[in-house]
Structures are given as C-alpha cells and as structure tokens.
Amino acid sequence: MTTSIARDELIAAIPSLRAFAISLCGRTDQADDLVQDTLVKAWGNFGSYTPGTNLRAWLFTILRNSFYSQLRKRRREVEDVDGVHAGALSVEASQSEHIRMREFRSALGLLPEDQREALILVGAAGYSYEETAEICGCAVGTIKSRVNRARRKLASLLDEEVEDVATVERAPLQLESLAAAAFR
C-alpha cells in the first residue's frame, strides 16, 4: 500500500474513530487526543499492518487498546475531584432535543463498558458483528449477546416499551440513530 493511499484511508477513518472515542471517553477533548494518539501509533507502526485485512478494524483495535491503557493510567491520577472547574464549564441545554440527547448519553453511560462498546461499534459505527468481534477480541456470539442486552437495557432506561422480540428489533434503529447523532 502506497503512503498516499494509506494516508487517505487513515484520514477517511477519522470520523468513525472520533465517534468511537467519544463513546469510550465521554468527553470530546479526551476523545480527540485519543484519536490523535491512535493515528500517530498507526502511522508509526504501519509496517505491522497486513495489507488486505480490515484497516478500520486495525485502527479501532489500536484506539481501544490505547483507551484502556490511558484509563489504567488515569485511575492513578486525581483530576478536579470536587468538580468545581467542570461545573463552571457546563452549559445547560435549552432545547428538548438536547435534553433527549443528554438523557441518551446518560443512559448509554450506565451500560456496562463491554455492552456500550459493542453497541456503539455495531449501531453507530456500522461495523458488522464479525468486525466488532475482531476489534474487541471475542467471539461473534458474545458480541451479539452484548448488543442485544445493551439495546434492551437502553430501551428500559429510556422508558421505551419493549414488549416482544419484534419490538426490540425495531427499537435499535431509533436508539442507534440517537447513538450515531450523539457522537457526530
């Protein structure tokens, strides 16, 4: 793969990487840093990429691994413990759609990490179950279970009625369109 083609493919992946990073971090500033670190690592280690394999999955794996490495590091650090600085920076939503989005993000944040990650990759980033399994390093069936549980839990948290399996199959379209919009 030539340098210009590789560069173009890396650039094309940035919006999806950013959306996934925001879903992991919850903060756009940290997500942007994570994406930048991911791209630097990918570019520096491009020789270890196997041409013909899924470049986006490779990038998402780098991003995911970087996030968990940084998370372990941050757990040892203390950052704005009383939240005074963060509270001064927040702005209240003035429109109902912003409120709904905030509720969605809050509900998404209540999901277990593995379920949230699988739902964002499948629902918002558009990865197949197989690609998501490759990124997360687990079986396809595990990803399907995580996505299903995440959809049901989100529907429950957002007070959306889920009466039968058919309803659950339609609900993800609404939830996942919210997920995609939340991280644009």
N, C-alpha and C. Protein backbone atom coordinates (compact mmCIF):
# COMPACT_ATOMS: atom_id res chain seq x y z
N MET A 1 0.86 -1.17 0.00
CA MET A 1 0.00 0.00 0.00
C MET A 1 0.90 1.23 0.00
N THR A 2 0.63 2.15 -0.91
CA THR A 2 1.47 3.34 -1.00
C THR A 2 1.17 4.28 0.16
N THR A 3 2.11 5.18 0.40
CA THR A 3 1.97 6.11 1.51
C THR A 3 0.75 7.00 1.34
N SER A 4 0.50 7.47 0.12
CA SER A 4 -0.65 8.37 -0.09
C SER A 4 -1.98 7.64 0.10
N ILE A 5 -2.06 6.39 -0.34
CA ILE A 5 -3.28 5.60 -0.14
C ILE A 5 -3.50 5.34 1.34
N ALA A 6 -2.43 4.97 2.04
CA ALA A 6 -2.53 4.72 3.48
C ALA A 6 -2.98 5.98 4.21
N ARG A 7 -2.39 7.10 3.84
CA ARG A 7 -2.76 8.37 4.47
C ARG A 7 -4.24 8.68 4.22
N ASP A 8 -4.69 8.50 2.99
CA ASP A 8 -6.09 8.77 2.64
C ASP A 8 -7.04 7.87 3.43
N GLU A 9 -6.68 6.61 3.58
CA GLU A 9 -7.53 5.68 4.34
C GLU A 9 -7.55 6.04 5.83
N LEU A 10 -6.40 6.47 6.36
CA LEU A 10 -6.37 6.90 7.76
C LEU A 10 -7.26 8.12 7.96
N ILE A 11 -7.16 9.07 7.05
CA ILE A 11 -7.97 10.29 7.15
C ILE A 11 -9.45 9.97 7.04
N ALA A 12 -9.80 9.06 6.14
CA ALA A 12 -11.21 8.68 5.96
C ALA A 12 -11.79 8.03 7.22
N ALA A 13 -10.94 7.40 8.02
CA ALA A 13 -11.41 6.70 9.22
C ALA A 13 -11.58 7.63 10.42
N ILE A 14 -11.09 8.85 10.33
CA ILE A 14 -11.10 9.75 11.49
C ILE A 14 -12.50 9.98 12.07
N PRO A 15 -13.54 10.28 11.28
CA PRO A 15 -14.86 10.50 11.90
C PRO A 15 -15.37 9.29 12.69
N SER A 16 -15.18 8.10 12.15
CA SER A 16 -15.62 6.90 12.88
C SER A 16 -14.79 6.68 14.13
N LEU A 17 -13.49 6.90 14.02
CA LEU A 17 -12.63 6.76 15.19
C LEU A 17 -13.04 7.76 16.27
N ARG A 18 -13.33 8.98 15.86
CA ARG A 18 -13.71 10.02 16.82
C ARG A 18 -15.02 9.65 17.51
N ALA A 19 -15.98 9.16 16.75
CA ALA A 19 -17.26 8.77 17.35
C ALA A 19 -17.06 7.66 18.37
N PHE A 20 -16.25 6.68 18.02
CA PHE A 20 -15.99 5.58 18.95
C PHE A 20 -15.23 6.08 20.17
N ALA A 21 -14.27 6.97 19.95
CA ALA A 21 -13.50 7.52 21.07
C ALA A 21 -14.40 8.31 22.02
N ILE A 22 -15.33 9.09 21.47
CA ILE A 22 -16.25 9.84 22.32
C ILE A 22 -17.12 8.88 23.12
N SER A 23 -17.53 7.78 22.50
CA SER A 23 -18.36 6.82 23.24
C SER A 23 -17.59 6.18 24.38
N LEU A 24 -16.30 6.03 24.20
CA LEU A 24 -15.49 5.45 25.27
C LEU A 24 -15.16 6.48 26.35
N CYS A 25 -14.73 7.67 25.92
CA CYS A 25 -14.26 8.69 26.86
C CYS A 25 -15.37 9.50 27.49
N GLY A 26 -16.39 9.81 26.68
CA GLY A 26 -17.45 10.66 27.18
C GLY A 26 -17.13 12.15 27.08
N ARG A 27 -15.92 12.48 26.72
CA ARG A 27 -15.50 13.89 26.59
C ARG A 27 -14.80 14.07 25.25
N THR A 28 -15.20 15.11 24.53
CA THR A 28 -14.64 15.30 23.19
C THR A 28 -13.16 15.65 23.22
N ASP A 29 -12.72 16.39 24.23
CA ASP A 29 -11.30 16.75 24.27
C ASP A 29 -10.43 15.50 24.47
N GLN A 30 -10.84 14.62 25.35
CA GLN A 30 -10.09 13.38 25.55
C GLN A 30 -10.20 12.48 24.32
N ALA A 31 -11.37 12.47 23.70
CA ALA A 31 -11.56 11.65 22.50
C ALA A 31 -10.66 12.12 21.37
N ASP A 32 -10.56 13.43 21.19
CA ASP A 32 -9.69 13.96 20.14
C ASP A 32 -8.23 13.59 20.39
N ASP A 33 -7.81 13.68 21.65
CA ASP A 33 -6.45 13.26 21.98
C ASP A 33 -6.24 11.78 21.71
N LEU A 34 -7.23 10.98 22.04
CA LEU A 34 -7.15 9.54 21.83
C LEU A 34 -7.05 9.21 20.34
N VAL A 35 -7.85 9.89 19.53
CA VAL A 35 -7.79 9.67 18.08
C VAL A 35 -6.42 10.07 17.54
N GLN A 36 -5.92 11.20 18.01
CA GLN A 36 -4.60 11.64 17.56
C GLN A 36 -3.53 10.62 17.93
N ASP A 37 -3.56 10.15 19.17
CA ASP A 37 -2.60 9.13 19.60
C ASP A 37 -2.72 7.87 18.74
N THR A 38 -3.95 7.49 18.44
CA THR A 38 -4.19 6.31 17.62
C THR A 38 -3.58 6.47 16.24
N LEU A 39 -3.81 7.62 15.63
CA LEU A 39 -3.27 7.85 14.28
C LEU A 39 -1.75 7.89 14.28
N VAL A 40 -1.17 8.48 15.31
CA VAL A 40 0.29 8.52 15.41
C VAL A 40 0.84 7.10 15.56
N LYS A 41 0.21 6.31 16.43
CA LYS A 41 0.65 4.92 16.61
C LYS A 41 0.48 4.12 15.33
N ALA A 42 -0.66 4.30 14.68
CA ALA A 42 -0.92 3.55 13.44
C ALA A 42 0.10 3.92 12.37
N TRP A 43 0.35 5.20 12.21
CA TRP A 43 1.29 5.65 11.18
C TRP A 43 2.70 5.14 11.49
N GLY A 44 3.09 5.21 12.76
CA GLY A 44 4.41 4.75 13.16
C GLY A 44 4.59 3.25 13.06
N ASN A 45 3.50 2.51 13.16
CA ASN A 45 3.57 1.05 13.11
C ASN A 45 2.90 0.48 11.87
N PHE A 46 2.80 1.29 10.82
CA PHE A 46 2.09 0.85 9.63
C PHE A 46 2.74 -0.37 9.00
N GLY A 47 4.00 -0.58 9.27
CA GLY A 47 4.68 -1.77 8.76
C GLY A 47 4.12 -3.05 9.34
N SER A 48 3.49 -2.98 10.50
CA SER A 48 2.92 -4.19 11.11
C SER A 48 1.50 -4.46 10.62
N TYR A 49 0.92 -3.53 9.86
CA TYR A 49 -0.41 -3.74 9.29
C TYR A 49 -0.28 -4.71 8.12
N THR A 50 -1.19 -5.67 8.06
CA THR A 50 -1.18 -6.66 6.98
C THR A 50 -2.10 -6.18 5.87
N PRO A 51 -1.54 -5.80 4.71
CA PRO A 51 -2.39 -5.35 3.60
C PRO A 51 -3.42 -6.42 3.23
N GLY A 52 -4.61 -5.96 2.89
CA GLY A 52 -5.69 -6.89 2.55
C GLY A 52 -6.60 -7.19 3.73
N THR A 53 -6.16 -6.85 4.94
CA THR A 53 -7.02 -7.04 6.10
C THR A 53 -7.79 -5.74 6.35
N ASN A 54 -8.67 -5.75 7.30
CA ASN A 54 -9.54 -4.61 7.58
C ASN A 54 -8.77 -3.52 8.31
N LEU A 55 -8.43 -2.45 7.59
CA LEU A 55 -7.67 -1.35 8.17
C LEU A 55 -8.45 -0.66 9.29
N ARG A 56 -9.76 -0.45 9.05
CA ARG A 56 -10.57 0.22 10.08
C ARG A 56 -10.61 -0.60 11.37
N ALA A 57 -10.73 -1.90 11.26
CA ALA A 57 -10.74 -2.75 12.46
C ALA A 57 -9.40 -2.65 13.17
N TRP A 58 -8.31 -2.60 12.41
CA TRP A 58 -6.97 -2.46 12.98
C TRP A 58 -6.87 -1.14 13.74
N LEU A 59 -7.38 -0.06 13.15
CA LEU A 59 -7.35 1.25 13.79
C LEU A 59 -8.21 1.27 15.05
N PHE A 60 -9.40 0.67 14.98
CA PHE A 60 -10.28 0.64 16.14
C PHE A 60 -9.65 -0.18 17.27
N THR A 61 -8.93 -1.22 16.92
CA THR A 61 -8.25 -2.03 17.94
C THR A 61 -7.16 -1.21 18.62
N ILE A 62 -6.40 -0.45 17.83
CA ILE A 62 -5.37 0.42 18.40
C ILE A 62 -6.02 1.44 19.33
N LEU A 63 -7.11 2.06 18.87
CA LEU A 63 -7.80 3.07 19.68
C LEU A 63 -8.31 2.46 20.98
N ARG A 64 -8.93 1.32 20.88
CA ARG A 64 -9.48 0.65 22.07
C ARG A 64 -8.37 0.31 23.06
N ASN A 65 -7.29 -0.26 22.57
CA ASN A 65 -6.18 -0.61 23.45
C ASN A 65 -5.56 0.64 24.08
N SER A 66 -5.44 1.71 23.31
CA SER A 66 -4.90 2.97 23.84
C SER A 66 -5.81 3.52 24.93
N PHE A 67 -7.11 3.45 24.69
CA PHE A 67 -8.06 3.95 25.68
C PHE A 67 -7.90 3.22 27.00
N TYR A 68 -7.85 1.89 26.96
CA TYR A 68 -7.75 1.14 28.20
C TYR A 68 -6.40 1.35 28.88
N SER A 69 -5.35 1.55 28.11
CA SER A 69 -4.05 1.87 28.70
C SER A 69 -4.10 3.22 29.41
N GLN A 70 -4.70 4.21 28.75
CA GLN A 70 -4.83 5.54 29.35
C GLN A 70 -5.75 5.51 30.56
N LEU A 71 -6.80 4.70 30.49
CA LEU A 71 -7.73 4.58 31.61
C LEU A 71 -7.01 4.04 32.85
N ARG A 72 -6.20 3.02 32.65
CA ARG A 72 -5.44 2.48 33.78
C ARG A 72 -4.51 3.55 34.35
N LYS A 73 -3.91 4.33 33.48
CA LYS A 73 -3.01 5.39 33.93
C LYS A 73 -3.78 6.47 34.69
N ARG A 74 -4.94 6.88 34.15
CA ARG A 74 -5.74 7.94 34.78
C ARG A 74 -6.30 7.54 36.13
N ARG A 75 -6.52 6.26 36.33
CA ARG A 75 -7.07 5.81 37.62
C ARG A 75 -6.10 6.11 38.75
N ARG A 76 -4.84 6.26 38.40
CA ARG A 76 -3.84 6.58 39.41
C ARG A 76 -3.71 8.08 39.63
N GLU A 77 -4.35 8.88 38.78
CA GLU A 77 -4.28 10.33 38.87
C GLU A 77 -5.58 10.89 39.45
N VAL A 78 -5.50 12.07 40.03
CA VAL A 78 -6.68 12.75 40.56
C VAL A 78 -6.89 14.00 39.72
N GLU A 79 -8.15 14.18 39.28
CA GLU A 79 -8.45 15.25 38.34
C GLU A 79 -9.73 15.97 38.76
N ASP A 80 -9.65 17.22 39.19
CA ASP A 80 -10.82 18.03 39.55
C ASP A 80 -11.81 17.25 40.42
N VAL A 81 -11.32 16.83 41.57
CA VAL A 81 -12.07 15.93 42.45
C VAL A 81 -13.44 16.49 42.82
N ASP A 82 -13.52 17.76 43.17
CA ASP A 82 -14.80 18.31 43.61
C ASP A 82 -15.68 18.78 42.45
N GLY A 83 -15.17 18.76 41.23
CA GLY A 83 -15.96 19.10 40.06
C GLY A 83 -16.25 20.57 39.89
N VAL A 84 -15.57 21.43 40.63
CA VAL A 84 -15.82 22.86 40.55
C VAL A 84 -15.51 23.39 39.16
N HIS A 85 -14.36 23.03 38.65
CA HIS A 85 -13.97 23.50 37.32
C HIS A 85 -14.91 22.97 36.24
N ALA A 86 -15.23 21.71 36.29
CA ALA A 86 -16.13 21.12 35.30
C ALA A 86 -17.52 21.75 35.37
N GLY A 87 -17.99 22.03 36.55
CA GLY A 87 -19.30 22.66 36.71
C GLY A 87 -19.35 24.05 36.11
N ALA A 88 -18.24 24.76 36.18
CA ALA A 88 -18.19 26.10 35.61
C ALA A 88 -18.20 26.08 34.09
N LEU A 89 -17.77 24.99 33.50
CA LEU A 89 -17.69 24.89 32.05
C LEU A 89 -18.97 24.37 31.40
N SER A 90 -19.84 23.76 32.18
CA SER A 90 -21.02 23.15 31.59
C SER A 90 -22.06 24.21 31.21
N VAL A 91 -22.81 23.91 30.17
CA VAL A 91 -23.86 24.79 29.69
C VAL A 91 -25.15 23.99 29.67
N GLU A 92 -26.21 24.56 30.20
CA GLU A 92 -27.49 23.87 30.24
C GLU A 92 -28.12 23.80 28.85
N ALA A 93 -28.72 22.70 28.54
CA ALA A 93 -29.41 22.53 27.27
C ALA A 93 -30.68 23.37 27.27
N SER A 94 -30.97 23.96 26.12
CA SER A 94 -32.15 24.81 26.05
C SER A 94 -33.25 24.23 25.17
N GLN A 95 -32.96 23.18 24.47
CA GLN A 95 -33.95 22.61 23.57
C GLN A 95 -34.24 21.17 23.96
N SER A 96 -35.44 20.73 23.65
CA SER A 96 -35.84 19.38 24.05
C SER A 96 -34.98 18.30 23.41
N GLU A 97 -34.53 18.51 22.19
CA GLU A 97 -33.67 17.51 21.54
C GLU A 97 -32.34 17.37 22.27
N HIS A 98 -31.83 18.48 22.77
CA HIS A 98 -30.59 18.43 23.54
C HIS A 98 -30.81 17.67 24.85
N ILE A 99 -31.97 17.88 25.44
CA ILE A 99 -32.29 17.17 26.68
C ILE A 99 -32.40 15.67 26.40
N ARG A 100 -33.07 15.32 25.31
CA ARG A 100 -33.20 13.90 24.95
C ARG A 100 -31.82 13.29 24.69
N MET A 101 -30.95 14.04 24.02
CA MET A 101 -29.61 13.55 23.74
C MET A 101 -28.83 13.37 25.04
N ARG A 102 -29.00 14.31 25.97
CA ARG A 102 -28.32 14.19 27.26
C ARG A 102 -28.82 12.96 28.01
N GLU A 103 -30.13 12.73 27.97
CA GLU A 103 -30.69 11.54 28.60
C GLU A 103 -30.14 10.27 27.96
N PHE A 104 -30.03 10.30 26.63
CA PHE A 104 -29.49 9.14 25.92
C PHE A 104 -28.05 8.89 26.33
N ARG A 105 -27.24 9.94 26.32
CA ARG A 105 -25.83 9.78 26.71
C ARG A 105 -25.71 9.28 28.14
N SER A 106 -26.56 9.79 29.00
CA SER A 106 -26.56 9.35 30.39
C SER A 106 -26.90 7.86 30.48
N ALA A 107 -27.95 7.46 29.76
CA ALA A 107 -28.34 6.04 29.75
C ALA A 107 -27.25 5.19 29.14
N LEU A 108 -26.63 5.67 28.09
CA LEU A 108 -25.54 4.94 27.45
C LEU A 108 -24.38 4.76 28.43
N GLY A 109 -24.14 5.78 29.23
CA GLY A 109 -23.08 5.70 30.23
C GLY A 109 -23.35 4.71 31.34
N LEU A 110 -24.62 4.36 31.54
CA LEU A 110 -24.98 3.39 32.58
C LEU A 110 -24.79 1.94 32.14
N LEU A 111 -24.63 1.75 30.83
CA LEU A 111 -24.42 0.39 30.33
C LEU A 111 -23.05 -0.11 30.76
N PRO A 112 -22.91 -1.40 30.97
CA PRO A 112 -21.57 -1.94 31.22
C PRO A 112 -20.67 -1.63 30.01
N GLU A 113 -19.39 -1.40 30.28
CA GLU A 113 -18.46 -1.00 29.22
C GLU A 113 -18.50 -1.91 28.01
N ASP A 114 -18.52 -3.22 28.25
CA ASP A 114 -18.47 -4.15 27.12
C ASP A 114 -19.73 -4.05 26.25
N GLN A 115 -20.89 -3.83 26.88
CA GLN A 115 -22.13 -3.69 26.11
C GLN A 115 -22.16 -2.36 25.35
N ARG A 116 -21.73 -1.30 26.01
CA ARG A 116 -21.72 0.02 25.38
C ARG A 116 -20.79 0.01 24.17
N GLU A 117 -19.63 -0.57 24.35
CA GLU A 117 -18.64 -0.64 23.28
C GLU A 117 -19.19 -1.42 22.08
N ALA A 118 -19.80 -2.56 22.33
CA ALA A 118 -20.35 -3.38 21.25
C ALA A 118 -21.49 -2.65 20.54
N LEU A 119 -22.36 -2.00 21.30
CA LEU A 119 -23.49 -1.28 20.70
C LEU A 119 -23.01 -0.12 19.83
N ILE A 120 -22.03 0.62 20.31
CA ILE A 120 -21.51 1.76 19.53
C ILE A 120 -20.86 1.27 18.25
N LEU A 121 -20.07 0.21 18.34
CA LEU A 121 -19.40 -0.30 17.14
C LEU A 121 -20.39 -0.83 16.12
N VAL A 122 -21.40 -1.57 16.57
CA VAL A 122 -22.38 -2.15 15.64
C VAL A 122 -23.42 -1.11 15.22
N GLY A 123 -23.96 -0.39 16.20
CA GLY A 123 -25.08 0.50 15.92
C GLY A 123 -24.70 1.85 15.36
N ALA A 124 -23.66 2.47 15.90
CA ALA A 124 -23.32 3.82 15.48
C ALA A 124 -22.19 3.84 14.45
N ALA A 125 -21.19 2.99 14.63
CA ALA A 125 -20.06 2.99 13.69
C ALA A 125 -20.33 2.13 12.46
N GLY A 126 -21.34 1.27 12.54
CA GLY A 126 -21.73 0.49 11.37
C GLY A 126 -20.91 -0.76 11.11
N TYR A 127 -20.18 -1.22 12.10
CA TYR A 127 -19.40 -2.44 11.92
C TYR A 127 -20.31 -3.66 11.99
N SER A 128 -19.91 -4.70 11.30
CA SER A 128 -20.64 -5.96 11.38
C SER A 128 -20.31 -6.61 12.72
N TYR A 129 -21.09 -7.62 13.08
CA TYR A 129 -20.79 -8.36 14.30
C TYR A 129 -19.41 -8.99 14.23
N GLU A 130 -19.04 -9.49 13.06
CA GLU A 130 -17.75 -10.14 12.90
C GLU A 130 -16.61 -9.14 13.09
N GLU A 131 -16.74 -7.96 12.48
CA GLU A 131 -15.70 -6.93 12.62
C GLU A 131 -15.61 -6.46 14.07
N THR A 132 -16.74 -6.31 14.71
CA THR A 132 -16.76 -5.88 16.11
C THR A 132 -16.11 -6.94 16.99
N ALA A 133 -16.38 -8.20 16.71
CA ALA A 133 -15.75 -9.28 17.48
C ALA A 133 -14.24 -9.23 17.32
N GLU A 134 -13.77 -8.95 16.11
CA GLU A 134 -12.33 -8.85 15.86
C GLU A 134 -11.73 -7.69 16.63
N ILE A 135 -12.41 -6.54 16.62
CA ILE A 135 -11.92 -5.36 17.33
C ILE A 135 -11.86 -5.61 18.83
N CYS A 136 -12.90 -6.24 19.37
CA CYS A 136 -13.00 -6.46 20.82
C CYS A 136 -12.26 -7.71 21.28
N GLY A 137 -11.85 -8.54 20.34
CA GLY A 137 -11.11 -9.74 20.70
C GLY A 137 -11.96 -10.80 21.39
N CYS A 138 -13.18 -10.99 20.90
CA CYS A 138 -14.04 -12.03 21.48
C CYS A 138 -14.87 -12.68 20.37
N ALA A 139 -15.70 -13.63 20.74
CA ALA A 139 -16.49 -14.39 19.76
C ALA A 139 -17.66 -13.55 19.23
N VAL A 140 -18.10 -13.88 18.03
CA VAL A 140 -19.22 -13.19 17.39
C VAL A 140 -20.48 -13.32 18.24
N GLY A 141 -20.73 -14.50 18.78
CA GLY A 141 -21.91 -14.72 19.62
C GLY A 141 -21.90 -13.83 20.86
N THR A 142 -20.72 -13.61 21.40
CA THR A 142 -20.58 -12.73 22.56
C THR A 142 -20.99 -11.31 22.20
N ILE A 143 -20.56 -10.85 21.03
CA ILE A 143 -20.91 -9.51 20.57
C ILE A 143 -22.42 -9.40 20.35
N LYS A 144 -23.02 -10.42 19.74
CA LYS A 144 -24.47 -10.39 19.52
C LYS A 144 -25.21 -10.30 20.84
N SER A 145 -24.76 -11.05 21.83
CA SER A 145 -25.39 -11.01 23.15
C SER A 145 -25.24 -9.64 23.79
N ARG A 146 -24.04 -9.09 23.70
CA ARG A 146 -23.79 -7.77 24.30
C ARG A 146 -24.66 -6.70 23.65
N VAL A 147 -24.75 -6.73 22.33
CA VAL A 147 -25.56 -5.74 21.62
C VAL A 147 -27.03 -5.89 22.00
N ASN A 148 -27.52 -7.12 22.04
CA ASN A 148 -28.92 -7.35 22.41
C ASN A 148 -29.20 -6.87 23.83
N ARG A 149 -28.31 -7.21 24.75
CA ARG A 149 -28.51 -6.77 26.14
C ARG A 149 -28.44 -5.25 26.24
N ALA A 150 -27.52 -4.65 25.50
CA ALA A 150 -27.39 -3.19 25.52
C ALA A 150 -28.65 -2.52 24.98
N ARG A 151 -29.19 -3.06 23.89
CA ARG A 151 -30.42 -2.49 23.31
C ARG A 151 -31.58 -2.58 24.29
N ARG A 152 -31.73 -3.73 24.92
CA ARG A 152 -32.82 -3.91 25.88
C ARG A 152 -32.65 -2.97 27.08
N LYS A 153 -31.43 -2.88 27.59
CA LYS A 153 -31.16 -2.03 28.75
C LYS A 153 -31.40 -0.57 28.40
N LEU A 154 -30.93 -0.13 27.24
CA LEU A 154 -31.16 1.25 26.82
C LEU A 154 -32.64 1.55 26.67
N ALA A 155 -33.36 0.65 26.04
CA ALA A 155 -34.80 0.83 25.87
C ALA A 155 -35.47 0.94 27.24
N SER A 156 -35.04 0.12 28.17
CA SER A 156 -35.60 0.15 29.52
C SER A 156 -35.26 1.47 30.22
N LEU A 157 -34.01 1.90 30.11
CA LEU A 157 -33.58 3.14 30.76
C LEU A 157 -34.27 4.36 30.17
N LEU A 158 -34.56 4.30 28.89
CA LEU A 158 -35.20 5.44 28.22
C LEU A 158 -36.72 5.31 28.21
N ASP A 159 -37.24 4.34 28.97
CA ASP A 159 -38.68 4.11 29.09
C ASP A 159 -39.36 3.86 27.75
N GLU A 160 -38.66 3.20 26.85
CA GLU A 160 -39.27 2.81 25.59
C GLU A 160 -39.85 1.42 25.78
N GLU A 161 -41.05 1.22 25.30
CA GLU A 161 -41.72 -0.06 25.50
C GLU A 161 -41.07 -1.15 24.67
N VAL A 162 -40.77 -2.24 25.33
CA VAL A 162 -40.22 -3.41 24.66
C VAL A 162 -41.08 -4.58 25.09
N GLU A 163 -42.06 -4.93 24.26
CA GLU A 163 -42.99 -5.98 24.63
C GLU A 163 -42.61 -7.34 24.07
N ASP A 164 -42.02 -7.35 22.88
CA ASP A 164 -41.66 -8.62 22.27
C ASP A 164 -40.39 -8.46 21.45
N VAL A 165 -39.94 -9.55 20.90
CA VAL A 165 -38.70 -9.55 20.13
C VAL A 165 -38.80 -8.64 18.92
N ALA A 166 -39.94 -8.59 18.27
CA ALA A 166 -40.10 -7.73 17.09
C ALA A 166 -39.92 -6.27 17.47
N THR A 167 -40.42 -5.88 18.63
CA THR A 167 -40.25 -4.51 19.08
C THR A 167 -38.78 -4.22 19.34
N VAL A 168 -38.08 -5.17 19.93
CA VAL A 168 -36.66 -4.98 20.20
C VAL A 168 -35.89 -4.82 18.89
N GLU A 169 -36.31 -5.52 17.86
CA GLU A 169 -35.61 -5.41 16.58
C GLU A 169 -35.84 -4.05 15.92
N ARG A 170 -37.00 -3.42 16.17
CA ARG A 170 -37.25 -2.08 15.61
C ARG A 170 -36.63 -1.00 16.48
N ALA A 171 -36.62 -1.19 17.78
CA ALA A 171 -36.10 -0.18 18.71
C ALA A 171 -34.65 0.19 18.43
N PRO A 172 -33.77 -0.75 18.05
CA PRO A 172 -32.39 -0.38 17.81
C PRO A 172 -32.22 0.70 16.75
N LEU A 173 -33.10 0.73 15.77
CA LEU A 173 -32.98 1.74 14.74
C LEU A 173 -33.09 3.13 15.35
N GLN A 174 -34.03 3.29 16.28
CA GLN A 174 -34.19 4.58 16.94
C GLN A 174 -33.01 4.83 17.88
N LEU A 175 -32.66 3.84 18.68
CA LEU A 175 -31.57 4.00 19.63
C LEU A 175 -30.25 4.24 18.93
N GLU A 176 -30.01 3.49 17.86
CA GLU A 176 -28.74 3.61 17.18
C GLU A 176 -28.64 4.88 16.35
N SER A 177 -29.77 5.40 15.88
CA SER A 177 -29.71 6.69 15.20
C SER A 177 -29.39 7.78 16.23
N LEU A 178 -29.90 7.63 17.45
CA LEU A 178 -29.52 8.54 18.52
C LEU A 178 -28.04 8.40 18.83
N ALA A 179 -27.55 7.16 18.88
CA ALA A 179 -26.14 6.93 19.17
C ALA A 179 -25.26 7.57 18.11
N ALA A 180 -25.62 7.39 16.86
CA ALA A 180 -24.82 7.97 15.79
C ALA A 180 -24.84 9.50 15.88
N ALA A 181 -26.00 10.07 16.17
CA ALA A 181 -26.10 11.52 16.28
C ALA A 181 -25.35 12.05 17.50
N ALA A 182 -25.31 11.26 18.56
CA ALA A 182 -24.67 11.71 19.79
C ALA A 182 -23.18 11.91 19.64
N PHE A 183 -22.58 11.24 18.69
CA PHE A 183 -21.13 11.29 18.58
C PHE A 183 -20.63 11.90 17.29
N ARG A 184 -21.47 12.66 16.62
CA ARG A 184 -21.04 13.36 15.40
C ARG A 184 -20.34 14.64 15.75
